[in-house]
Protein backbone atom coordinates (compact mmCIF):
# COMPACT_ATOMS: atom_id res chain seq x y z
CA MET A 1 93.98 109.74 124.14
CA LYS A 2 96.43 107.48 125.69
CA LYS A 3 100.09 105.98 124.94
CA PHE A 4 100.62 101.95 124.81
CA ILE A 5 103.66 100.10 125.47
CA LEU A 6 104.77 98.36 122.40
CA PHE A 7 105.41 95.05 123.17
CA MET A 8 107.65 93.98 120.39
CA THR A 9 109.77 95.49 117.97
CA ILE A 10 112.11 93.01 115.92
CA ALA A 11 114.60 95.17 113.67
CA LEU A 12 116.91 92.65 111.38
CA VAL A 13 119.58 93.98 109.28
CA PHE A 14 120.80 92.55 106.27
CA LEU A 15 123.86 93.66 104.31
CA ALA A 16 124.43 91.03 101.59
CA GLY A 17 122.68 88.89 99.26
CA ASN A 18 121.95 89.40 96.06
CA LEU A 19 118.21 88.59 95.56
CA SER A 20 117.51 90.19 92.10
CA ALA A 21 115.48 89.01 89.39
CA GLU A 22 117.54 89.68 86.66
CA GLY A 23 121.19 90.17 88.03
CA LEU A 24 120.62 93.84 89.74
CA ASP A 25 120.89 94.37 93.41
CA ALA A 26 117.64 94.44 95.47
CA ARG A 27 119.42 93.55 99.00
CA VAL A 28 117.24 93.92 102.17
CA LEU A 29 118.95 96.73 103.86
CA TRP A 30 116.87 96.29 106.70
CA GLU A 31 113.47 94.84 108.09
CA SER A 32 111.39 95.87 111.25
CA ILE A 33 108.25 93.72 112.38
CA TYR A 34 106.07 95.37 115.00
CA ASN A 35 103.67 92.91 116.58
CA GLY A 36 101.88 94.75 119.78
CA GLY A 37 100.39 91.09 121.16
CA TYR A 38 97.06 91.91 119.32
CA ASP A 39 96.23 92.20 115.18
CA ASP A 40 98.36 94.66 113.72
CA VAL A 41 97.05 95.56 110.02
CA THR A 42 97.50 97.77 107.93
CA PRO A 43 94.97 100.66 106.72
CA TYR A 44 92.50 100.20 104.45
CA GLU A 45 92.99 97.76 101.43
CA ARG A 46 90.84 99.24 98.85
CA ALA A 47 92.64 98.46 95.71
CA PHE A 48 90.69 100.61 93.54
CA THR A 49 89.49 103.16 95.75
CA SER A 50 92.63 104.56 98.24
CA SER A 51 95.20 106.52 96.73
CA THR A 52 96.46 107.14 100.27
CA ASN A 53 99.97 105.46 101.05
CA SER A 54 100.95 104.38 104.37
CA VAL A 55 104.52 104.67 104.00
CA ALA A 56 106.60 108.06 103.55
CA THR A 57 110.28 109.37 103.48
CA ASP A 58 111.43 112.22 105.15
CA SER A 59 114.53 114.91 103.84
CA ALA A 60 116.66 113.01 105.42
CA GLY A 61 115.75 109.53 104.07
CA ASN A 62 114.07 108.05 107.14
CA SER A 63 111.03 106.64 106.94
CA VAL A 64 107.71 107.07 108.35
CA VAL A 65 105.01 104.04 108.54
CA VAL A 66 101.40 104.51 109.69
CA GLY A 67 99.70 100.99 110.53
CA ILE A 68 96.25 99.69 113.05
CA SER A 69 96.79 98.09 116.32
CA PHE A 70 94.67 96.77 118.53
CA ASP A 71 95.23 96.84 122.59
CA GLY A 72 92.44 94.55 123.35
CA ASN A 73 89.64 97.20 123.68
CA GLN A 74 90.13 99.46 120.73
CA TRP A 75 92.11 100.12 117.18
CA GLY A 76 94.18 102.70 117.21
CA ALA A 77 96.98 104.32 114.96
CA TYR A 78 100.58 103.10 115.48
CA THR A 79 103.17 105.53 113.96
CA VAL A 80 106.84 104.82 113.96
CA LYS A 81 110.06 106.75 112.55
CA TYR A 82 112.84 104.36 111.39
CA ALA A 83 116.46 105.60 110.73
CA GLY A 84 116.74 105.56 107.22
CA ASP A 85 120.44 103.96 106.97
CA THR A 86 119.49 101.19 109.91
CA GLY A 87 116.22 100.68 110.06
CA ASN A 88 116.46 101.49 113.97
CA ILE A 89 113.26 102.80 115.68
CA LEU A 90 113.30 106.94 116.00
CA TRP A 91 110.53 107.09 117.80
CA SER A 92 107.09 105.69 117.73
CA ASN A 93 103.43 106.83 118.83
CA ALA A 94 100.46 104.47 119.51
CA THR A 95 97.24 106.50 120.08
CA GLN A 96 93.93 105.71 120.68
CA ASN A 97 90.65 107.58 122.00
CA ILE A 98 88.15 106.43 124.60
CA SER A 99 85.34 107.26 122.76
CA TYR A 100 85.88 105.84 118.85
CA ASN A 101 88.08 102.99 117.09
CA ILE A 102 90.16 105.17 115.16
CA PHE A 103 91.16 103.98 111.54
CA PRO A 104 94.45 105.67 109.95
CA ILE A 105 94.21 105.67 105.92
CA GLY A 106 97.64 106.70 105.39
CA VAL A 107 100.58 109.28 106.23
CA THR A 108 102.35 112.19 104.86
CA VAL A 109 105.54 114.11 105.54
CA ASP A 110 105.82 118.10 105.17
CA SER A 111 108.62 120.43 104.22
CA ASN A 112 109.84 120.60 107.86
CA ASP A 113 109.88 116.55 108.59
CA ASP A 114 107.10 117.11 110.48
CA ILE A 115 103.97 114.37 110.20
CA PHE A 116 100.52 113.93 109.48
CA VAL A 117 98.08 110.85 109.51
CA VAL A 118 94.59 111.18 108.53
CA GLY A 119 91.97 108.15 109.72
CA ASN A 120 88.16 108.00 109.92
CA LEU A 121 86.46 106.90 113.27
CA GLY A 122 84.16 104.13 114.05
CA SER A 123 82.76 102.05 110.88
CA GLY A 124 84.17 104.39 108.55
CA THR A 125 81.42 107.35 108.19
CA GLU A 126 81.10 108.29 111.92
CA GLY A 127 83.78 111.10 111.49
CA THR A 128 87.66 111.81 110.63
CA TYR A 129 90.78 111.94 112.49
CA VAL A 130 94.05 114.10 111.87
CA ILE A 131 96.91 114.20 114.03
CA LYS A 132 99.87 116.01 113.59
CA TYR A 133 103.44 114.68 114.77
CA SER A 134 106.90 116.32 115.63
CA GLY A 135 109.13 114.46 113.15
CA ILE A 136 111.74 115.09 115.64
CA ASP A 137 110.61 113.64 118.47
CA GLY A 138 106.91 112.07 117.82
CA ASN A 139 105.34 114.59 120.23
CA ILE A 140 101.70 115.27 119.36
CA GLN A 141 101.71 119.12 117.76
CA TRP A 142 97.91 118.87 117.30
CA GLU A 143 95.35 116.28 116.80
CA LYS A 144 91.16 117.48 115.93
CA ILE A 145 88.27 114.78 115.97
CA PHE A 146 85.42 115.36 114.13
CA PRO A 147 82.53 113.07 115.13
CA GLN A 148 80.02 114.12 112.06
CA SER A 149 78.82 111.51 109.27
CA LYS A 150 82.15 111.69 106.42
CA ARG A 151 84.89 109.61 105.79
CA ALA A 152 88.16 110.17 104.13
CA ASP A 153 89.83 108.47 101.32
CA ASP A 154 92.51 110.71 100.44
CA MET A 155 95.20 113.23 102.27
CA ILE A 156 97.96 115.40 100.37
CA LEU A 157 100.20 118.85 101.54
CA ASP A 158 100.23 122.05 99.92
CA GLU A 159 103.41 123.98 99.23
CA THR A 160 102.62 125.60 102.23
CA ASN A 161 101.88 122.50 104.42
CA ASP A 162 98.31 122.94 105.32
CA LEU A 163 96.42 120.18 104.57
CA ILE A 164 93.95 118.47 102.41
CA LEU A 165 91.67 115.78 102.65
CA THR A 166 88.82 114.27 100.29
CA GLY A 167 86.33 111.46 100.55
CA THR A 168 82.28 111.30 101.31
CA GLU A 169 79.63 113.03 102.98
CA PHE A 170 76.92 110.95 104.00
CA SER A 171 73.21 112.35 104.29
CA LEU A 172 71.02 110.82 107.15
CA ILE A 173 67.83 111.41 104.89
CA TRP A 174 66.21 109.48 102.64
CA PRO A 175 67.37 108.28 99.72
CA TRP A 176 70.37 108.83 101.77
CA PRO A 177 72.25 110.37 98.95
CA THR A 178 76.32 111.03 99.70
CA TYR A 179 78.46 113.98 98.26
CA PHE A 180 81.93 114.50 97.53
CA TYR A 181 83.46 116.25 100.84
CA THR A 182 86.69 118.28 100.70
CA SER A 183 88.38 119.80 102.94
CA LYS A 184 91.15 122.16 104.01
CA TYR A 185 93.17 122.43 107.21
CA ASP A 186 95.47 125.08 108.42
CA GLY A 187 99.35 122.79 109.16
CA ILE A 188 100.09 124.70 112.17
CA THR A 189 97.18 124.60 114.42
CA GLY A 190 94.87 122.08 112.92
CA ASP A 191 92.01 124.65 112.56
CA ILE A 192 89.42 123.98 109.43
CA LEU A 193 90.00 126.99 107.13
CA TRP A 194 87.06 125.55 104.37
CA GLU A 195 84.81 122.86 103.55
CA LYS A 196 82.84 121.99 100.86
CA THR A 197 80.38 119.75 99.95
CA SER A 198 78.33 118.79 96.58
CA THR A 199 75.04 119.45 96.64
CA ASP A 200 73.26 117.66 93.90
CA ASP A 201 70.80 114.71 95.57
CA LYS A 202 73.01 112.12 93.71
CA HIS A 203 75.20 109.31 94.62
CA CYS A 204 78.73 111.34 94.51
CA GLN A 205 82.02 109.98 96.10
CA SER A 206 85.45 111.31 96.50
CA TYR A 207 88.35 109.36 96.08
CA ALA A 208 91.66 111.40 95.70
CA VAL A 209 92.86 114.49 95.87
CA ALA A 210 95.92 116.52 94.17
CA THR A 211 97.26 120.03 94.26
CA ASP A 212 98.58 122.70 91.48
CA ASN A 213 101.99 124.89 92.29
CA THR A 214 99.61 127.70 92.66
CA GLU A 215 98.03 125.38 95.61
CA ASP A 216 94.73 125.03 93.80
CA ILE A 217 93.13 121.57 94.47
CA PHE A 218 91.73 118.97 92.19
CA VAL A 219 89.57 116.13 93.47
CA THR A 220 87.74 113.10 91.51
CA GLY A 221 85.99 110.11 91.96
CA PHE A 222 82.19 109.54 90.50
CA CYS A 223 78.56 110.59 90.62
CA ALA A 224 76.10 107.89 90.07
CA THR A 225 72.01 108.46 90.08
CA VAL A 226 70.44 107.73 93.57
CA ASN A 227 70.22 103.56 92.76
CA PHE A 228 73.42 103.66 92.10
CA GLN A 229 73.22 103.56 88.33
CA ASP A 230 74.79 105.38 85.34
CA HIS A 231 78.25 106.34 86.90
CA ALA A 232 80.27 108.87 85.76
CA TYR A 233 83.18 110.59 86.23
CA TYR A 234 83.46 113.77 88.37
CA THR A 235 86.26 115.49 88.67
CA VAL A 236 86.38 119.22 90.14
CA LYS A 237 89.06 122.12 91.06
CA TYR A 238 88.88 124.28 94.04
CA ASN A 239 90.40 127.63 95.12
CA GLY A 240 92.74 126.88 97.10
CA ASN A 241 92.20 129.68 99.30
CA ASP A 242 88.66 129.94 99.98
CA GLY A 243 87.24 126.71 97.99
CA ALA A 244 85.00 128.60 95.41
CA LEU A 245 84.21 126.12 92.71
CA LEU A 246 86.45 127.02 89.52
CA TRP A 247 85.05 124.26 87.01
CA GLN A 248 83.82 120.59 87.02
CA SER A 249 83.72 118.16 84.72
CA THR A 250 81.74 114.69 84.08
CA LEU A 251 82.92 111.83 81.70
CA ASN A 252 80.46 109.08 80.53
CA SER A 253 81.74 105.77 78.53
CA ASP A 254 80.01 104.34 76.40
CA TYR A 255 79.95 100.73 74.07
CA ILE A 256 81.89 101.55 71.51
CA GLU A 257 84.83 102.95 73.43
CA ALA A 258 84.95 101.23 76.49
CA PRO A 259 82.33 97.83 76.51
CA SER A 260 83.28 96.62 79.93
CA ALA A 261 82.98 99.66 81.67
CA ALA A 262 80.28 101.17 79.89
CA GLY A 263 77.66 102.49 82.73
CA TYR A 264 80.33 102.17 85.38
CA ASP A 265 82.84 104.74 85.08
CA VAL A 266 84.62 105.55 88.80
CA ALA A 267 87.33 107.90 88.50
CA MET A 268 90.27 106.82 91.36
CA ASP A 269 93.34 108.61 91.18
CA ILE A 270 94.55 112.09 90.19
CA ALA A 271 97.26 113.81 89.84
CA THR A 272 98.94 117.18 88.35
CA GLU A 273 101.58 117.74 85.83
CA MET A 274 104.07 121.06 86.04
CA SER A 275 102.00 123.19 83.83
CA GLY A 276 99.08 122.79 86.05
CA ASP A 277 97.39 120.53 83.49
CA VAL A 278 95.67 117.41 85.33
CA PHE A 279 95.41 113.50 84.60
CA VAL A 280 92.40 110.97 85.74
CA THR A 281 92.32 108.08 85.45
CA GLY A 282 90.00 105.21 86.75
CA THR A 283 87.37 101.70 85.21
CA SER A 284 87.16 103.21 81.82
CA TYR A 285 89.57 106.52 80.70
CA VAL A 286 92.85 107.76 81.00
CA VAL A 287 92.32 111.40 80.28
CA LYS A 288 94.25 114.42 80.73
CA TYR A 289 92.26 117.95 81.26
CA ASP A 290 93.57 122.03 81.16
CA GLY A 291 94.14 122.68 84.55
CA ARG A 292 92.95 126.01 83.64
CA THR A 293 89.31 125.58 82.16
CA GLY A 294 88.51 121.38 82.34
CA GLY A 295 88.47 121.01 79.03
CA GLU A 296 89.77 117.63 78.22
CA ILE A 297 92.99 117.59 76.48
CA TRP A 298 92.97 114.24 75.09
CA LYS A 299 92.11 110.77 76.70
CA LYS A 300 92.60 107.07 76.19
CA THR A 301 90.54 104.07 76.67
CA PRO A 302 93.03 101.63 78.31
CA GLY A 303 92.15 98.31 76.44
CA ALA A 304 92.79 100.06 73.58
CA SER A 305 96.22 101.19 74.47
CA GLY A 306 98.03 98.65 76.51
CA GLY A 307 95.98 99.07 79.96
CA SER A 308 93.60 97.69 81.37
CA MET A 309 91.19 99.51 83.99
CA PRO A 310 93.84 101.56 85.56
CA ALA A 311 93.01 101.97 89.52
CA LYS A 312 96.66 104.04 90.02
CA LEU A 313 99.04 106.54 88.39
CA SER A 314 102.40 108.70 89.20
CA ILE A 315 103.97 111.52 87.19
CA ASP A 316 107.76 110.71 86.05
CA PHE A 317 110.05 113.89 86.44
CA GLU A 318 109.35 114.67 83.00
CA ASP A 319 105.39 114.91 83.73
CA ASN A 320 104.72 111.66 81.76
CA LEU A 321 101.67 109.46 82.95
CA ILE A 322 102.34 106.04 84.81
CA ALA A 323 98.92 104.59 84.76
CA ALA A 324 98.15 100.92 86.56
CA GLY A 325 95.71 98.74 86.97
CA GLY A 326 94.10 95.95 85.61
CA GLY A 327 97.88 93.90 85.98
CA LYS A 328 99.21 95.87 83.12
CA ILE A 329 101.34 99.23 83.93
CA VAL A 330 101.12 101.83 80.98
CA LYS A 331 103.56 104.85 80.72
CA TYR A 332 101.98 107.79 78.55
CA ARG A 333 103.07 110.43 76.59
CA ASN A 334 102.39 113.67 78.26
CA SER A 335 101.72 115.77 75.45
CA THR A 336 99.33 113.48 73.02
CA GLY A 337 98.51 110.32 75.23
CA GLU A 338 100.56 107.79 73.07
CA VAL A 339 101.52 104.74 74.98
CA VAL A 340 105.71 104.85 75.55
CA TRP A 341 105.07 101.70 76.78
CA ALA A 342 103.32 98.84 78.43
CA ASN A 343 104.48 96.01 80.76
CA THR A 344 102.41 93.88 83.34
CA PHE A 345 102.28 92.74 86.87
CA GLN A 346 100.61 89.77 88.93
CA ARG A 347 98.24 89.91 91.52
CA ALA A 348 96.00 87.98 93.30
CA GLU A 349 92.99 88.95 92.73
CA MET A 350 90.57 91.73 90.79
CA ASN A 351 90.69 93.96 93.86
CA SER A 352 94.15 93.31 95.41
CA PRO A 353 95.71 96.02 96.50
CA PHE A 354 98.77 97.47 94.86
CA TYR A 355 100.82 101.18 94.86
CA ILE A 356 103.26 102.83 92.58
CA THR A 357 105.52 105.98 92.84
CA VAL A 358 108.82 107.04 90.66
CA ASP A 359 112.01 107.14 92.32
CA LYS A 360 114.57 110.17 91.55
CA GLY A 361 116.49 107.70 88.58
CA ASN A 362 112.32 108.54 86.86
CA ASN A 363 112.24 104.96 87.29
CA ILE A 364 109.18 103.32 88.54
CA LEU A 365 108.31 100.84 91.32
CA LEU A 366 105.09 99.07 91.85
CA VAL A 367 104.27 96.45 94.89
CA ALA A 368 101.39 94.07 94.67
CA GLU A 369 100.00 91.56 96.47
CA VAL A 370 100.34 87.80 94.51
CA HIS A 371 99.77 84.44 95.56
CA ASN A 372 102.31 82.62 97.08
CA GLY A 373 104.53 80.69 94.95
CA ASP A 374 105.11 77.79 97.36
CA THR A 375 101.79 76.85 98.11
CA TRP A 376 98.30 77.78 96.95
CA SER A 377 95.18 79.03 99.27
CA LEU A 378 92.18 81.27 99.32
CA TYR A 379 94.61 83.11 101.66
CA ASN A 380 98.04 82.93 101.15
CA TYR A 381 99.50 85.60 99.37
CA ASP A 382 102.77 87.51 99.38
CA TYR A 383 103.55 90.92 98.44
CA ARG A 384 105.74 91.72 95.15
CA THR A 385 108.17 94.46 94.73
CA THR A 386 108.99 95.21 91.27
CA LYS A 387 111.34 97.86 89.70
CA TYR A 388 110.70 99.21 85.79
CA HIS A 389 112.88 100.91 83.62
CA GLY A 390 111.37 104.18 83.33
CA ILE A 391 112.71 104.84 79.58
CA THR A 392 111.44 101.01 78.25
CA GLY A 393 109.44 99.66 80.84
CA ARG A 394 111.91 96.24 81.08
CA ILE A 395 111.85 95.05 84.44
CA PHE A 396 115.06 95.28 86.54
CA TRP A 397 114.18 93.32 89.99
CA GLU A 398 111.42 91.38 91.62
CA LYS A 399 111.39 90.29 94.95
CA ASP A 400 109.04 88.55 96.72
CA PHE A 401 108.13 88.56 100.46
CA LYS A 402 106.67 85.23 101.52
CA GLY A 403 106.09 86.53 105.09
CA ILE A 404 106.88 85.72 109.17
CA ALA A 405 104.76 82.52 108.66
CA ASN A 406 104.65 82.03 104.74
CA ALA A 407 101.20 83.00 104.96
CA HIS A 408 98.72 86.17 104.27
CA ASP A 409 100.78 89.39 103.46
CA VAL A 410 99.32 92.31 102.03
CA PRO A 411 101.14 95.52 100.93
CA SER A 412 99.57 98.75 102.24
CA GLY A 413 102.71 101.16 100.77
CA ILE A 414 105.95 102.27 98.53
CA THR A 415 108.20 104.65 98.53
CA ALA A 416 111.48 105.74 96.83
CA GLY A 417 114.22 107.18 100.26
CA PRO A 418 117.55 109.39 98.12
CA PHE A 419 120.26 106.98 96.14
CA CYS A 420 116.40 105.42 94.80
CA ASN A 421 115.83 102.59 97.27
CA VAL A 422 113.28 101.24 97.95
CA ILE A 423 110.69 100.74 100.98
CA VAL A 424 108.03 98.91 101.53
CA THR A 425 105.33 99.03 104.64
CA GLY A 426 102.47 95.95 104.74
CA LYS A 427 100.70 93.54 107.51
CA SER A 428 101.84 89.78 107.56
CA TYR A 429 100.33 86.75 109.30
CA ASN A 430 102.67 85.21 111.91
CA GLY A 431 100.55 82.04 112.72
CA ALA A 432 98.62 83.51 115.37
CA ASN A 433 97.19 87.10 114.30
CA TYR A 434 99.28 89.82 112.09
CA ASP A 435 102.54 92.09 112.45
CA LEU A 436 103.43 95.26 110.87
CA TYR A 437 106.35 94.59 108.71
CA THR A 438 108.35 97.11 106.76
CA VAL A 439 111.54 96.39 104.53
CA LYS A 440 113.90 98.71 102.78
CA TYR A 441 115.56 97.71 99.92
CA ALA A 442 118.64 98.40 98.05
CA GLY A 443 117.72 100.64 94.59
CA GLY A 444 120.38 98.63 92.56
CA PRO A 445 124.47 99.58 91.72
CA SER A 446 124.20 102.02 89.75
CA GLY A 447 122.04 104.23 92.23
CA CYS A 448 119.61 106.39 91.00
CA ARG A 449 121.05 105.98 87.12
CA GLY A 450 119.07 104.35 84.78
CA ASN A 451 120.99 102.10 82.62
CA LEU A 452 119.89 98.94 81.98
CA PRO A 453 122.10 95.41 82.61
């Protein structure tokens, strides 16, 4: 473990200029660029299979960003905390391990404003890495390295600030099946409270995790045959106290309901609503389960209801579901699954990363990788931030970031701050290597009020 010097940080603050698409405010409040001298990139860009976010906000509206930085010898985690009002760096911490490359997948903030970063070791199948920082000064409170054949794909904190990870365990025995892997850590000490692994000799991989208000845990992903055929949604509920299996559910599509996904049903994201029921989304269906029993309440095939291959979801403050993927974003009514509205968003490629969240005004924010509007080339991408009206789905504003060198720019997270300001982070090619780029946009002149222009 060591810290290395921050070679260059540039913070630029802009306090004027209307950059919106429909006349509403999308001013750049501040932006920050981190250049460590080598490549500084964003956590795994798995557009469909990663629900993690590389930016989070604390209770005071400060922003925390995690990235992957190279010091000339090894890859490590770079974590920085920005002042919410100015973008000034409050602290930063770059950590590496003498034995392993560390590749963080995301960051989250607990109710005490302390910070958890989760990552993987080596090639991504050599073990997991967890570190907790003091939110005040960035000092390390604890750090855990588990050099096993496991990979973390998602993380969440429960209401007591304990940390839950989910991902995949890799067998070293022929025919090399993979398993759901879920573990719970004591948030104070970092000790493992329990671990659970699926036992069927299939190929199962877990991609997303959620908790309910009783601290039980829901995990989703897919299971397939040993030769990776006949993929099916696989969703599990565990008792939060001891990891006991409470229920499990599988879901297969057919050629009539979802012809484009039949045989390849992969669940990619999960969320719970206030009553404890759970939503799952993926390549074939959007489905709502009874949180107590695992029984299906409703399911929708995105192609028939305005969406297409959704990969990310969020819950608004009325417990309605927002699902995005395949270039479409759809709002579903909680009780029935009825489509409230549908809109579109652009992506550069099918696998281009994108992220969604909901602000306190119940409006929806989305950032996605798009083709550069000035010059087209294979690696000339921007990232576009869009704000949708929560009731109607109309676009408030769109804002493109064309990059430091107008080259390859890839988003890795989005979050909403107080007053519905928007914080976006990602990587940007500077002509020689990649930098970490973070920007804060004004949410609009009406703050969190949701009135259209």
